[in-house]
Protein backbone atom coordinates (compact mmCIF):
# COMPACT_ATOMS: atom_id res chain seq x y z
CA MET A 1 18.42 6.28 205.39
CA ASP A 2 20.09 3.59 208.11
CA ASP A 3 23.48 4.68 206.74
CA GLY A 4 24.85 6.15 210.35
CA ALA A 5 25.04 10.16 208.19
CA VAL A 6 22.72 12.67 209.56
CA LYS A 7 20.58 14.38 206.76
CA ILE A 8 18.49 17.26 207.57
CA PHE A 9 16.04 18.42 205.04
CA LEU A 10 15.26 22.15 204.53
CA CYS A 11 12.18 23.55 203.10
CA SER A 12 13.15 27.43 201.65
CA ASP A 13 10.11 28.51 201.05
CA GLY A 14 9.14 27.27 205.24
CA GLU A 15 6.99 30.69 206.53
CA LEU A 16 8.21 30.81 209.88
CA ASN A 17 10.21 33.21 210.97
CA ASN A 18 11.03 32.11 214.50
CA VAL A 19 14.62 31.37 212.81
CA GLU A 20 17.78 32.40 214.10
CA PRO A 21 18.95 35.07 211.60
CA ASP A 22 21.87 33.40 210.08
CA PHE A 23 19.49 30.23 209.35
CA LYS A 24 16.50 32.90 207.79
CA ALA A 25 19.76 34.42 205.76
CA PHE A 26 20.71 30.84 204.74
CA ARG A 27 16.87 29.90 203.84
CA ASP A 28 16.58 32.85 201.32
CA TYR A 29 19.77 32.38 200.03
CA MET A 30 18.47 29.15 199.01
CA LYS A 31 15.77 30.87 197.70
CA GLY A 32 18.02 32.77 194.88
CA LEU A 33 17.81 36.12 196.94
CA PRO A 34 20.76 38.21 197.51
CA SER A 35 22.29 38.24 201.46
CA LYS A 36 25.40 40.51 203.21
CA ASP A 37 25.45 37.30 205.48
CA ASP A 38 28.93 36.37 205.93
CA PHE A 39 28.43 32.45 206.65
CA VAL A 40 26.10 32.72 202.81
CA THR A 41 28.72 35.01 201.16
CA GLU A 42 31.65 31.66 202.45
CA ILE A 43 29.39 29.39 200.81
CA ASP A 44 28.92 31.19 197.57
CA ASN A 45 32.19 31.64 197.33
CA LEU A 46 33.05 27.82 197.92
CA ILE A 47 30.49 27.17 195.49
CA ALA A 48 31.57 29.81 192.91
CA GLU A 49 34.97 28.44 193.48
CA ILE A 50 33.98 24.42 192.54
CA LYS A 51 32.04 25.77 189.63
CA SER A 52 35.01 27.22 188.51
CA LYS A 53 37.09 24.55 188.55
CA GLU A 54 34.74 22.28 186.74
CA GLU A 55 34.28 24.45 184.33
CA ARG A 56 37.85 24.58 184.02
CA MET A 57 38.62 21.09 184.06
CA GLY A 58 35.69 20.82 180.93
CA TYR A 59 37.31 22.49 179.04
CA MET A 60 41.18 20.43 179.79
CA ARG A 61 38.49 17.12 178.83
CA PHE A 62 37.67 19.25 175.45
CA GLU A 63 41.10 20.49 174.68
CA MET A 64 42.83 16.68 174.95
CA GLN A 65 39.50 15.49 172.97
CA MET A 66 40.47 17.78 170.48
CA LEU A 67 44.36 17.10 170.39
CA GLU A 68 43.94 13.54 170.37
CA ALA A 69 41.60 13.84 166.93
CA MET A 70 44.25 15.90 165.44
CA ILE A 71 47.04 13.50 166.14
CA LEU A 72 45.04 10.94 165.21
CA GLY A 73 44.35 12.95 162.13
CA VAL A 74 47.73 13.61 161.26
CA GLN A 75 49.46 9.46 161.76
CA LYS A 76 46.76 8.84 158.75
CA ASP A 77 47.57 11.47 156.72
CA LEU A 78 51.66 10.38 157.43
CA LEU A 79 50.22 6.49 156.36
CA LYS A 80 48.86 7.95 153.88
CA ASN A 81 51.63 9.68 151.95
CA ALA A 82 54.33 7.50 152.97
CA SER A 83 52.78 4.36 151.56
CA ALA A 84 52.53 7.05 147.92
CA ILE A 85 56.05 8.07 148.42
CA PHE A 86 57.21 4.49 148.98
CA PRO A 87 55.54 2.02 146.84
CA GLN A 88 57.90 -0.46 147.26
CA THR A 89 58.46 -0.48 150.54
CA SER A 90 56.66 -3.02 152.56
CA ASN A 91 52.54 -2.29 153.19
CA SER A 92 52.52 -3.57 156.30
CA LEU A 93 54.75 -0.90 157.85
CA PHE A 94 52.02 0.99 156.70
CA GLU A 95 49.16 -0.05 157.68
CA GLU A 96 46.79 1.87 160.14
CA SER A 97 46.45 0.51 163.62
CA ASN A 98 43.11 0.42 165.27
């Protein structure tokens, strides 16, 4: 790991209690335990905000895919109906392009 970054590995199941209260609160948070520690609350709020943004982006991507599928279906229907209504017109005008 020679990338210049400093990496810290934490074990949330550690049993030594000779750590600062803030660190202990964070360790407990990593275990899924509730905490009223200000730092842990701030981290939890940031994580919730990021997850909310990711969910919104997921819904937006899904909505765009559904809209694109609907537009493609409408286009195909228009091409089919146009060639039926105007049979004398050159078929090249109504051919589907993929």
